[in-house]
Amino acid sequence: YTGGLKRLSNAIVFPSSYQSHAATETCPGHSTILTGSHPARTGIIA
């Protein structure tokens, strides 16, 4: 990386965090990012 991802790679980095749940699909994953909750709570199971 030479651009924006390089800049963020040299900031505060958690290189291997988790989408913790089993149903690793687009909708469940996006439902966790700005809700603070797993799909079991967001209701977005798949």
ModelCIF file with pLDDT and N, C-alpha, C, O atoms, coordinates in Angstrom:
data_MODEL
#
_entry.id   MODEL 
#
_entity.id                         1 
_entity.type                       polymer 
_entity.pdbx_number_of_molecules   1 
#
_entity_poly.entity_id                      1 
_entity_poly.type                           'polypeptide(L)' 
_entity_poly.nstd_linkage                   no 
_entity_poly.nstd_monomer                   no 
_entity_poly.pdbx_seq_one_letter_code       YTGGLKRLSNAIVFPSSYQSHAATETCPGHSTILTGSHPARTGIIA 
_entity_poly.pdbx_seq_one_letter_code_can   YTGGLKRLSNAIVFPSSYQSHAATETCPGHSTILTGSHPARTGIIA 
_entity_poly.pdbx_strand_id                 A 
#
loop_
_entity_poly_seq.entity_id 
_entity_poly_seq.num 
_entity_poly_seq.mon_id 
_entity_poly_seq.hetero 
1 1  TYR n 
1 2  THR n 
1 3  GLY n 
1 4  GLY n 
1 5  LEU n 
1 6  LYS n 
1 7  ARG n 
1 8  LEU n 
1 9  SER n 
1 10 ASN n 
1 11 ALA n 
1 12 ILE n 
1 13 VAL n 
1 14 PHE n 
1 15 PRO n 
1 16 SER n 
1 17 SER n 
1 18 TYR n 
1 19 GLN n 
1 20 SER n 
1 21 HIS n 
1 22 ALA n 
1 23 ALA n 
1 24 THR n 
1 25 GLU n 
1 26 THR n 
1 27 CYS n 
1 28 PRO n 
1 29 GLY n 
1 30 HIS n 
1 31 SER n 
1 32 THR n 
1 33 ILE n 
1 34 LEU n 
1 35 THR n 
1 36 GLY n 
1 37 SER n 
1 38 HIS n 
1 39 PRO n 
1 40 ALA n 
1 41 ARG n 
1 42 THR n 
1 43 GLY n 
1 44 ILE n 
1 45 ILE n 
1 46 ALA n 
#
_struct_asym.id          A 
_struct_asym.entity_id   1 
#
loop_
_ma_qa_metric.id 
_ma_qa_metric.mode 
_ma_qa_metric.name 
_ma_qa_metric.software_group_id 
_ma_qa_metric.type 
1 global pLDDT . pLDDT 
2 local  pLDDT . pLDDT 
#
_ma_qa_metric_global.metric_id      1 
_ma_qa_metric_global.metric_value   97.89 
_ma_qa_metric_global.model_id       1 
_ma_qa_metric_global.ordinal_id     1 
#
loop_
_ma_qa_metric_local.label_asym_id 
_ma_qa_metric_local.label_comp_id 
_ma_qa_metric_local.label_seq_id 
_ma_qa_metric_local.metric_id 
_ma_qa_metric_local.metric_value 
_ma_qa_metric_local.model_id 
_ma_qa_metric_local.ordinal_id 
A TYR 1  2 98.00 1 1  
A THR 2  2 98.00 1 2  
A GLY 3  2 98.00 1 3  
A GLY 4  2 98.00 1 4  
A LEU 5  2 98.00 1 5  
A LYS 6  2 98.00 1 6  
A ARG 7  2 98.00 1 7  
A LEU 8  2 98.00 1 8  
A SER 9  2 98.00 1 9  
A ASN 10 2 97.00 1 10 
A ALA 11 2 98.00 1 11 
A ILE 12 2 98.00 1 12 
A VAL 13 2 98.00 1 13 
A PHE 14 2 98.00 1 14 
A PRO 15 2 97.00 1 15 
A SER 16 2 95.00 1 16 
A SER 17 2 98.00 1 17 
A TYR 18 2 98.00 1 18 
A GLN 19 2 98.00 1 19 
A SER 20 2 98.00 1 20 
A HIS 21 2 98.00 1 21 
A ALA 22 2 98.00 1 22 
A ALA 23 2 98.00 1 23 
A THR 24 2 98.00 1 24 
A GLU 25 2 98.00 1 25 
A THR 26 2 98.00 1 26 
A CYS 27 2 98.00 1 27 
A PRO 28 2 98.00 1 28 
A GLY 29 2 98.00 1 29 
A HIS 30 2 98.00 1 30 
A SER 31 2 98.00 1 31 
A THR 32 2 98.00 1 32 
A ILE 33 2 98.00 1 33 
A LEU 34 2 98.00 1 34 
A THR 35 2 98.00 1 35 
A GLY 36 2 98.00 1 36 
A SER 37 2 98.00 1 37 
A HIS 38 2 98.00 1 38 
A PRO 39 2 98.00 1 39 
A ALA 40 2 98.00 1 40 
A ARG 41 2 98.00 1 41 
A THR 42 2 98.00 1 42 
A GLY 43 2 98.00 1 43 
A ILE 44 2 98.00 1 44 
A ILE 45 2 98.00 1 45 
A ALA 46 2 98.00 1 46 
#
loop_
_atom_site.group_PDB 
_atom_site.id 
_atom_site.type_symbol 
_atom_site.label_atom_id 
_atom_site.label_alt_id 
_atom_site.label_comp_id 
_atom_site.label_asym_id 
_atom_site.label_entity_id 
_atom_site.label_seq_id 
_atom_site.pdbx_PDB_ins_code 
_atom_site.Cartn_x 
_atom_site.Cartn_y 
_atom_site.Cartn_z 
_atom_site.occupancy 
_atom_site.B_iso_or_equiv 
_atom_site.pdbx_formal_charge 
_atom_site.auth_seq_id 
_atom_site.auth_comp_id 
_atom_site.auth_asym_id 
_atom_site.auth_atom_id 
_atom_site.pdbx_PDB_model_num 
ATOM 1   N N  . TYR A 1 1  ? 0.837   -1.200  0.000  1.00 98.00 ? 1  TYR A N  1 
ATOM 2   C CA . TYR A 1 1  ? 0.000   0.000   0.000  1.00 98.00 ? 1  TYR A CA 1 
ATOM 3   C C  . TYR A 1 1  ? 0.875   1.254   0.000  1.00 98.00 ? 1  TYR A C  1 
ATOM 4   O O  . TYR A 1 1  ? 1.900   1.318   0.679  1.00 98.00 ? 1  TYR A O  1 
ATOM 5   N N  . THR A 1 2  ? 0.447   2.240   -0.773 1.00 98.00 ? 2  THR A N  1 
ATOM 6   C CA . THR A 1 2  ? 1.184   3.514   -0.837 1.00 98.00 ? 2  THR A CA 1 
ATOM 7   C C  . THR A 1 2  ? 0.275   4.710   -0.569 1.00 98.00 ? 2  THR A C  1 
ATOM 8   O O  . THR A 1 2  ? 0.763   5.831   -0.429 1.00 98.00 ? 2  THR A O  1 
ATOM 9   N N  . GLY A 1 3  ? -1.026  4.494   -0.496 1.00 98.00 ? 3  GLY A N  1 
ATOM 10  C CA . GLY A 1 3  ? -1.971  5.594   -0.352 1.00 98.00 ? 3  GLY A CA 1 
ATOM 11  C C  . GLY A 1 3  ? -2.690  5.594   0.974  1.00 98.00 ? 3  GLY A C  1 
ATOM 12  O O  . GLY A 1 3  ? -2.064  5.569   2.034  1.00 98.00 ? 3  GLY A O  1 
ATOM 13  N N  . GLY A 1 4  ? -4.027  5.621   0.911  1.00 98.00 ? 4  GLY A N  1 
ATOM 14  C CA . GLY A 1 4  ? -4.820  5.730   2.136  1.00 98.00 ? 4  GLY A CA 1 
ATOM 15  C C  . GLY A 1 4  ? -4.675  4.547   3.065  1.00 98.00 ? 4  GLY A C  1 
ATOM 16  O O  . GLY A 1 4  ? -4.670  4.720   4.283  1.00 98.00 ? 4  GLY A O  1 
ATOM 17  N N  . LEU A 1 5  ? -4.556  3.343   2.518  1.00 98.00 ? 5  LEU A N  1 
ATOM 18  C CA . LEU A 1 5  ? -4.404  2.179   3.386  1.00 98.00 ? 5  LEU A CA 1 
ATOM 19  C C  . LEU A 1 5  ? -3.038  2.138   4.041  1.00 98.00 ? 5  LEU A C  1 
ATOM 20  O O  . LEU A 1 5  ? -2.894  1.581   5.130  1.00 98.00 ? 5  LEU A O  1 
ATOM 21  N N  . LYS A 1 6  ? -2.028  2.719   3.399  1.00 98.00 ? 6  LYS A N  1 
ATOM 22  C CA . LYS A 1 6  ? -0.726  2.833   4.062  1.00 98.00 ? 6  LYS A CA 1 
ATOM 23  C C  . LYS A 1 6  ? -0.818  3.771   5.259  1.00 98.00 ? 6  LYS A C  1 
ATOM 24  O O  . LYS A 1 6  ? -0.282  3.486   6.330  1.00 98.00 ? 6  LYS A O  1 
ATOM 25  N N  . ARG A 1 7  ? -1.501  4.884   5.065  1.00 98.00 ? 7  ARG A N  1 
ATOM 26  C CA . ARG A 1 7  ? -1.657  5.839   6.167  1.00 98.00 ? 7  ARG A CA 1 
ATOM 27  C C  . ARG A 1 7  ? -2.390  5.193   7.344  1.00 98.00 ? 7  ARG A C  1 
ATOM 28  O O  . ARG A 1 7  ? -1.971  5.344   8.492  1.00 98.00 ? 7  ARG A O  1 
ATOM 29  N N  . LEU A 1 8  ? -3.468  4.486   7.070  1.00 98.00 ? 8  LEU A N  1 
ATOM 30  C CA . LEU A 1 8  ? -4.205  3.841   8.154  1.00 98.00 ? 8  LEU A CA 1 
ATOM 31  C C  . LEU A 1 8  ? -3.430  2.669   8.742  1.00 98.00 ? 8  LEU A C  1 
ATOM 32  O O  . LEU A 1 8  ? -3.596  2.349   9.919  1.00 98.00 ? 8  LEU A O  1 
ATOM 33  N N  . SER A 1 9  ? -2.587  2.026   7.941  1.00 98.00 ? 9  SER A N  1 
ATOM 34  C CA . SER A 1 9  ? -1.769  0.914   8.439  1.00 98.00 ? 9  SER A CA 1 
ATOM 35  C C  . SER A 1 9  ? -0.693  1.383   9.405  1.00 98.00 ? 9  SER A C  1 
ATOM 36  O O  . SER A 1 9  ? -0.103  0.581   10.129 1.00 98.00 ? 9  SER A O  1 
ATOM 37  N N  . ASN A 1 10 ? -0.443  2.673   9.412  1.00 97.00 ? 10 ASN A N  1 
ATOM 38  C CA . ASN A 1 10 ? 0.547   3.251   10.325 1.00 97.00 ? 10 ASN A CA 1 
ATOM 39  C C  . ASN A 1 10 ? -0.120  4.082   11.418 1.00 97.00 ? 10 ASN A C  1 
ATOM 40  O O  . ASN A 1 10 ? 0.515   4.950   12.017 1.00 97.00 ? 10 ASN A O  1 
ATOM 41  N N  . ALA A 1 11 ? -1.396  3.816   11.675 1.00 98.00 ? 11 ALA A N  1 
ATOM 42  C CA . ALA A 1 11 ? -2.135  4.543   12.711 1.00 98.00 ? 11 ALA A CA 1 
ATOM 43  C C  . ALA A 1 11 ? -2.396  3.601   13.885 1.00 98.00 ? 11 ALA A C  1 
ATOM 44  O O  . ALA A 1 11 ? -1.452  3.038   14.439 1.00 98.00 ? 11 ALA A O  1 
ATOM 45  N N  . ILE A 1 12 ? -3.634  3.422   14.264 1.00 98.00 ? 12 ILE A N  1 
ATOM 46  C CA . ILE A 1 12 ? -3.987  2.504   15.348 1.00 98.00 ? 12 ILE A CA 1 
ATOM 47  C C  . ILE A 1 12 ? -4.536  1.240   14.689 1.00 98.00 ? 12 ILE A C  1 
ATOM 48  O O  . ILE A 1 12 ? -5.607  1.261   14.083 1.00 98.00 ? 12 ILE A O  1 
ATOM 49  N N  . VAL A 1 13 ? -3.802  0.155   14.813 1.00 98.00 ? 13 VAL A N  1 
ATOM 50  C CA . VAL A 1 13 ? -4.056  -1.015  13.978 1.00 98.00 ? 13 VAL A CA 1 
ATOM 51  C C  . VAL A 1 13 ? -4.383  -2.240  14.834 1.00 98.00 ? 13 VAL A C  1 
ATOM 52  O O  . VAL A 1 13 ? -3.611  -2.653  15.699 1.00 98.00 ? 13 VAL A O  1 
ATOM 53  N N  . PHE A 1 14 ? -5.544  -2.792  14.558 1.00 98.00 ? 14 PHE A N  1 
ATOM 54  C CA . PHE A 1 14 ? -5.896  -4.123  15.057 1.00 98.00 ? 14 PHE A CA 1 
ATOM 55  C C  . PHE A 1 14 ? -5.948  -5.005  13.810 1.00 98.00 ? 14 PHE A C  1 
ATOM 56  O O  . PHE A 1 14 ? -6.985  -5.083  13.151 1.00 98.00 ? 14 PHE A O  1 
ATOM 57  N N  . PRO A 1 15 ? -4.841  -5.669  13.482 1.00 97.00 ? 15 PRO A N  1 
ATOM 58  C CA . PRO A 1 15 ? -4.732  -6.309  12.162 1.00 97.00 ? 15 PRO A CA 1 
ATOM 59  C C  . PRO A 1 15 ? -5.637  -7.510  11.972 1.00 97.00 ? 15 PRO A C  1 
ATOM 60  O O  . PRO A 1 15 ? -5.903  -7.917  10.841 1.00 97.00 ? 15 PRO A O  1 
ATOM 61  N N  . SER A 1 16 ? -6.116  -8.085  13.076 1.00 95.00 ? 16 SER A N  1 
ATOM 62  C CA . SER A 1 16 ? -6.890  -9.314  12.953 1.00 95.00 ? 16 SER A CA 1 
ATOM 63  C C  . SER A 1 16 ? -8.002  -9.340  13.996 1.00 95.00 ? 16 SER A C  1 
ATOM 64  O O  . SER A 1 16 ? -7.990  -10.152 14.921 1.00 95.00 ? 16 SER A O  1 
ATOM 65  N N  . SER A 1 17 ? -8.960  -8.436  13.826 1.00 98.00 ? 17 SER A N  1 
ATOM 66  C CA . SER A 1 17 ? -10.117 -8.407  14.725 1.00 98.00 ? 17 SER A CA 1 
ATOM 67  C C  . SER A 1 17 ? -11.166 -9.378  14.204 1.00 98.00 ? 17 SER A C  1 
ATOM 68  O O  . SER A 1 17 ? -10.914 -10.114 13.250 1.00 98.00 ? 17 SER A O  1 
ATOM 69  N N  . TYR A 1 18 ? -12.334 -9.385  14.821 1.00 98.00 ? 18 TYR A N  1 
ATOM 70  C CA . TYR A 1 18 ? -13.316 -10.422 14.517 1.00 98.00 ? 18 TYR A CA 1 
ATOM 71  C C  . TYR A 1 18 ? -14.707 -9.887  14.199 1.00 98.00 ? 18 TYR A C  1 
ATOM 72  O O  . TYR A 1 18 ? -15.236 -9.024  14.900 1.00 98.00 ? 18 TYR A O  1 
ATOM 73  N N  . GLN A 1 19 ? -15.281 -10.416 13.133 1.00 98.00 ? 19 GLN A N  1 
ATOM 74  C CA . GLN A 1 19 ? -16.728 -10.509 12.997 1.00 98.00 ? 19 GLN A CA 1 
ATOM 75  C C  . GLN A 1 19 ? -17.038 -11.838 13.679 1.00 98.00 ? 19 GLN A C  1 
ATOM 76  O O  . GLN A 1 19 ? -16.840 -12.898 13.085 1.00 98.00 ? 19 GLN A O  1 
ATOM 77  N N  . SER A 1 20 ? -17.513 -11.794 14.894 1.00 98.00 ? 20 SER A N  1 
ATOM 78  C CA . SER A 1 20 ? -17.441 -12.954 15.787 1.00 98.00 ? 20 SER A CA 1 
ATOM 79  C C  . SER A 1 20 ? -18.389 -14.090 15.424 1.00 98.00 ? 20 SER A C  1 
ATOM 80  O O  . SER A 1 20 ? -18.119 -15.245 15.755 1.00 98.00 ? 20 SER A O  1 
ATOM 81  N N  . HIS A 1 21 ? -19.480 -13.787 14.759 1.00 98.00 ? 21 HIS A N  1 
ATOM 82  C CA . HIS A 1 21 ? -20.559 -14.736 14.552 1.00 98.00 ? 21 HIS A CA 1 
ATOM 83  C C  . HIS A 1 21 ? -20.254 -15.741 13.444 1.00 98.00 ? 21 HIS A C  1 
ATOM 84  O O  . HIS A 1 21 ? -19.272 -15.610 12.713 1.00 98.00 ? 21 HIS A O  1 
ATOM 85  N N  . ALA A 1 22 ? -21.122 -16.746 13.340 1.00 98.00 ? 22 ALA A N  1 
ATOM 86  C CA . ALA A 1 22 ? -20.933 -17.806 12.341 1.00 98.00 ? 22 ALA A CA 1 
ATOM 87  C C  . ALA A 1 22 ? -21.423 -17.397 10.957 1.00 98.00 ? 22 ALA A C  1 
ATOM 88  O O  . ALA A 1 22 ? -20.805 -17.765 9.958  1.00 98.00 ? 22 ALA A O  1 
ATOM 89  N N  . ALA A 1 23 ? -22.501 -16.656 10.876 1.00 98.00 ? 23 ALA A N  1 
ATOM 90  C CA . ALA A 1 23 ? -23.116 -16.311 9.581  1.00 98.00 ? 23 ALA A CA 1 
ATOM 91  C C  . ALA A 1 23 ? -22.407 -15.115 8.963  1.00 98.00 ? 23 ALA A C  1 
ATOM 92  O O  . ALA A 1 23 ? -22.938 -14.005 8.953  1.00 98.00 ? 23 ALA A O  1 
ATOM 93  N N  . THR A 1 24 ? -21.209 -15.346 8.448  1.00 98.00 ? 24 THR A N  1 
ATOM 94  C CA . THR A 1 24 ? -20.361 -14.258 7.956  1.00 98.00 ? 24 THR A CA 1 
ATOM 95  C C  . THR A 1 24 ? -20.781 -13.834 6.554  1.00 98.00 ? 24 THR A C  1 
ATOM 96  O O  . THR A 1 24 ? -20.074 -14.069 5.574  1.00 98.00 ? 24 THR A O  1 
ATOM 97  N N  . GLU A 1 25 ? -21.938 -13.210 6.487  1.00 98.00 ? 25 GLU A N  1 
ATOM 98  C CA . GLU A 1 25 ? -22.477 -12.670 5.250  1.00 98.00 ? 25 GLU A CA 1 
ATOM 99  C C  . GLU A 1 25 ? -22.506 -11.147 5.330  1.00 98.00 ? 25 GLU A C  1 
ATOM 100 O O  . GLU A 1 25 ? -22.241 -10.561 6.380  1.00 98.00 ? 25 GLU A O  1 
ATOM 101 N N  . THR A 1 26 ? -22.831 -10.523 4.209  1.00 98.00 ? 26 THR A N  1 
ATOM 102 C CA . THR A 1 26 ? -22.741 -9.067  4.103  1.00 98.00 ? 26 THR A CA 1 
ATOM 103 C C  . THR A 1 26 ? -23.668 -8.340  5.064  1.00 98.00 ? 26 THR A C  1 
ATOM 104 O O  . THR A 1 26 ? -23.239 -7.423  5.765  1.00 98.00 ? 26 THR A O  1 
ATOM 105 N N  . CYS A 1 27 ? -24.929 -8.736  5.104  1.00 98.00 ? 27 CYS A N  1 
ATOM 106 C CA . CYS A 1 27 ? -25.893 -8.005  5.918  1.00 98.00 ? 27 CYS A CA 1 
ATOM 107 C C  . CYS A 1 27 ? -25.621 -8.161  7.420  1.00 98.00 ? 27 CYS A C  1 
ATOM 108 O O  . CYS A 1 27 ? -25.585 -7.158  8.132  1.00 98.00 ? 27 CYS A O  1 
ATOM 109 N N  . PRO A 1 28 ? -25.429 -9.388  7.923  1.00 98.00 ? 28 PRO A N  1 
ATOM 110 C CA . PRO A 1 28 ? -25.099 -9.520  9.348  1.00 98.00 ? 28 PRO A CA 1 
ATOM 111 C C  . PRO A 1 28 ? -23.836 -8.753  9.727  1.00 98.00 ? 28 PRO A C  1 
ATOM 112 O O  . PRO A 1 28 ? -23.792 -8.091  10.764 1.00 98.00 ? 28 PRO A O  1 
ATOM 113 N N  . GLY A 1 29 ? -22.803 -8.846  8.879  1.00 98.00 ? 29 GLY A N  1 
ATOM 114 C CA . GLY A 1 29 ? -21.554 -8.159  9.202  1.00 98.00 ? 29 GLY A CA 1 
ATOM 115 C C  . GLY A 1 29 ? -21.709 -6.662  9.275  1.00 98.00 ? 29 GLY A C  1 
ATOM 116 O O  . GLY A 1 29 ? -21.211 -6.029  10.206 1.00 98.00 ? 29 GLY A O  1 
ATOM 117 N N  . HIS A 1 30 ? -22.395 -6.084  8.301  1.00 98.00 ? 30 HIS A N  1 
ATOM 118 C CA . HIS A 1 30 ? -22.597 -4.638  8.340  1.00 98.00 ? 30 HIS A CA 1 
ATOM 119 C C  . HIS A 1 30 ? -23.478 -4.224  9.515  1.00 98.00 ? 30 HIS A C  1 
ATOM 120 O O  . HIS A 1 30 ? -23.363 -3.105  10.016 1.00 98.00 ? 30 HIS A O  1 
ATOM 121 N N  . SER A 1 31 ? -24.351 -5.117  9.950  1.00 98.00 ? 31 SER A N  1 
ATOM 122 C CA . SER A 1 31 ? -25.222 -4.759  11.081 1.00 98.00 ? 31 SER A CA 1 
ATOM 123 C C  . SER A 1 31 ? -24.463 -4.660  12.394 1.00 98.00 ? 31 SER A C  1 
ATOM 124 O O  . SER A 1 31 ? -24.973 -4.071  13.348 1.00 98.00 ? 31 SER A O  1 
ATOM 125 N N  . THR A 1 32 ? -23.260 -5.216  12.473 1.00 98.00 ? 32 THR A N  1 
ATOM 126 C CA . THR A 1 32 ? -22.476 -5.149  13.722 1.00 98.00 ? 32 THR A CA 1 
ATOM 127 C C  . THR A 1 32 ? -21.636 -3.887  13.829 1.00 98.00 ? 32 THR A C  1 
ATOM 128 O O  . THR A 1 32 ? -21.347 -3.427  14.933 1.00 98.00 ? 32 THR A O  1 
ATOM 129 N N  . ILE A 1 33 ? -21.240 -3.321  12.687 1.00 98.00 ? 33 ILE A N  1 
ATOM 130 C CA . ILE A 1 33 ? -20.169 -2.316  12.675 1.00 98.00 ? 33 ILE A CA 1 
ATOM 131 C C  . ILE A 1 33 ? -20.537 -1.057  13.446 1.00 98.00 ? 33 ILE A C  1 
ATOM 132 O O  . ILE A 1 33 ? -19.715 -0.543  14.206 1.00 98.00 ? 33 ILE A O  1 
ATOM 133 N N  . LEU A 1 34 ? -21.745 -0.553  13.269 1.00 98.00 ? 34 LEU A N  1 
ATOM 134 C CA . LEU A 1 34 ? -22.128 0.699   13.940 1.00 98.00 ? 34 LEU A CA 1 
ATOM 135 C C  . LEU A 1 34 ? -23.303 0.522   14.896 1.00 98.00 ? 34 LEU A C  1 
ATOM 136 O O  . LEU A 1 34 ? -23.957 1.498   15.261 1.00 98.00 ? 34 LEU A O  1 
ATOM 137 N N  . THR A 1 35 ? -23.577 -0.724  15.304 1.00 98.00 ? 35 THR A N  1 
ATOM 138 C CA . THR A 1 35 ? -24.605 -0.950  16.331 1.00 98.00 ? 35 THR A CA 1 
ATOM 139 C C  . THR A 1 35 ? -24.006 -1.427  17.642 1.00 98.00 ? 35 THR A C  1 
ATOM 140 O O  . THR A 1 35 ? -24.644 -1.315  18.689 1.00 98.00 ? 35 THR A O  1 
ATOM 141 N N  . GLY A 1 36 ? -22.782 -1.961  17.602 1.00 98.00 ? 36 GLY A N  1 
ATOM 142 C CA . GLY A 1 36 ? -22.185 -2.517  18.807 1.00 98.00 ? 36 GLY A CA 1 
ATOM 143 C C  . GLY A 1 36 ? -22.771 -3.855  19.210 1.00 98.00 ? 36 GLY A C  1 
ATOM 144 O O  . GLY A 1 36 ? -22.557 -4.304  20.336 1.00 98.00 ? 36 GLY A O  1 
ATOM 145 N N  . SER A 1 37 ? -23.505 -4.502  18.317 1.00 98.00 ? 37 SER A N  1 
ATOM 146 C CA . SER A 1 37 ? -24.247 -5.706  18.683 1.00 98.00 ? 37 SER A CA 1 
ATOM 147 C C  . SER A 1 37 ? -24.045 -6.826  17.671 1.00 98.00 ? 37 SER A C  1 
ATOM 148 O O  . SER A 1 37 ? -23.882 -6.588  16.474 1.00 98.00 ? 37 SER A O  1 
ATOM 149 N N  . HIS A 1 38 ? -24.060 -8.063  18.189 1.00 98.00 ? 38 HIS A N  1 
ATOM 150 C CA . HIS A 1 38 ? -23.999 -9.233  17.330 1.00 98.00 ? 38 HIS A CA 1 
ATOM 151 C C  . HIS A 1 38 ? -25.323 -9.408  16.582 1.00 98.00 ? 38 HIS A C  1 
ATOM 152 O O  . HIS A 1 38 ? -26.335 -8.837  16.988 1.00 98.00 ? 38 HIS A O  1 
ATOM 153 N N  . PRO A 1 39 ? -25.331 -10.190 15.493 1.00 98.00 ? 39 PRO A N  1 
ATOM 154 C CA . PRO A 1 39 ? -26.586 -10.421 14.768 1.00 98.00 ? 39 PRO A CA 1 
ATOM 155 C C  . PRO A 1 39 ? -27.702 -10.995 15.628 1.00 98.00 ? 39 PRO A C  1 
ATOM 156 O O  . PRO A 1 39 ? -28.878 -10.774 15.336 1.00 98.00 ? 39 PRO A O  1 
ATOM 157 N N  . ALA A 1 40 ? -27.358 -11.728 16.682 1.00 98.00 ? 40 ALA A N  1 
ATOM 158 C CA . ALA A 1 40 ? -28.400 -12.237 17.579 1.00 98.00 ? 40 ALA A CA 1 
ATOM 159 C C  . ALA A 1 40 ? -29.213 -11.104 18.177 1.00 98.00 ? 40 ALA A C  1 
ATOM 160 O O  . ALA A 1 40 ? -30.390 -11.286 18.486 1.00 98.00 ? 40 ALA A O  1 
ATOM 161 N N  . ARG A 1 41 ? -28.606 -9.939  18.346 1.00 98.00 ? 41 ARG A N  1 
ATOM 162 C CA . ARG A 1 41 ? -29.313 -8.778  18.902 1.00 98.00 ? 41 ARG A CA 1 
ATOM 163 C C  . ARG A 1 41 ? -29.834 -7.857  17.800 1.00 98.00 ? 41 ARG A C  1 
ATOM 164 O O  . ARG A 1 41 ? -30.917 -7.287  17.934 1.00 98.00 ? 41 ARG A O  1 
ATOM 165 N N  . THR A 1 42 ? -29.076 -7.706  16.714 1.00 98.00 ? 42 THR A N  1 
ATOM 166 C CA . THR A 1 42 ? -29.533 -6.829  15.630 1.00 98.00 ? 42 THR A CA 1 
ATOM 167 C C  . THR A 1 42 ? -30.711 -7.433  14.876 1.00 98.00 ? 42 THR A C  1 
ATOM 168 O O  . THR A 1 42 ? -31.482 -6.712  14.244 1.00 98.00 ? 42 THR A O  1 
ATOM 169 N N  . GLY A 1 43 ? -30.851 -8.765  14.941 1.00 98.00 ? 43 GLY A N  1 
ATOM 170 C CA . GLY A 1 43 ? -31.911 -9.447  14.206 1.00 98.00 ? 43 GLY A CA 1 
ATOM 171 C C  . GLY A 1 43 ? -31.540 -9.755  12.770 1.00 98.00 ? 43 GLY A C  1 
ATOM 172 O O  . GLY A 1 43 ? -32.326 -10.365 12.046 1.00 98.00 ? 43 GLY A O  1 
ATOM 173 N N  . ILE A 1 44 ? -30.353 -9.342  12.347 1.00 98.00 ? 44 ILE A N  1 
ATOM 174 C CA . ILE A 1 44 ? -29.933 -9.548  10.948 1.00 98.00 ? 44 ILE A CA 1 
ATOM 175 C C  . ILE A 1 44 ? -29.094 -10.821 10.901 1.00 98.00 ? 44 ILE A C  1 
ATOM 176 O O  . ILE A 1 44 ? -27.865 -10.773 10.940 1.00 98.00 ? 44 ILE A O  1 
ATOM 177 N N  . ILE A 1 45 ? -29.773 -11.952 10.815 1.00 98.00 ? 45 ILE A N  1 
ATOM 178 C CA . ILE A 1 45 ? -29.116 -13.252 10.954 1.00 98.00 ? 45 ILE A CA 1 
ATOM 179 C C  . ILE A 1 45 ? -28.479 -13.749 9.662  1.00 98.00 ? 45 ILE A C  1 
ATOM 180 O O  . ILE A 1 45 ? -27.650 -14.658 9.696  1.00 98.00 ? 45 ILE A O  1 
ATOM 181 N N  . ALA A 1 46 ? -28.854 -13.166 8.519  1.00 98.00 ? 46 ALA A N  1 
ATOM 182 C CA . ALA A 1 46 ? -28.350 -13.612 7.221  1.00 98.00 ? 46 ALA A CA 1 
ATOM 183 C C  . ALA A 1 46 ? -28.714 -12.555 6.184  1.00 98.00 ? 46 ALA A C  1 
ATOM 184 O O  . ALA A 1 46 ? -28.393 -12.709 5.006  1.00 98.00 ? 46 ALA A O  1 
#
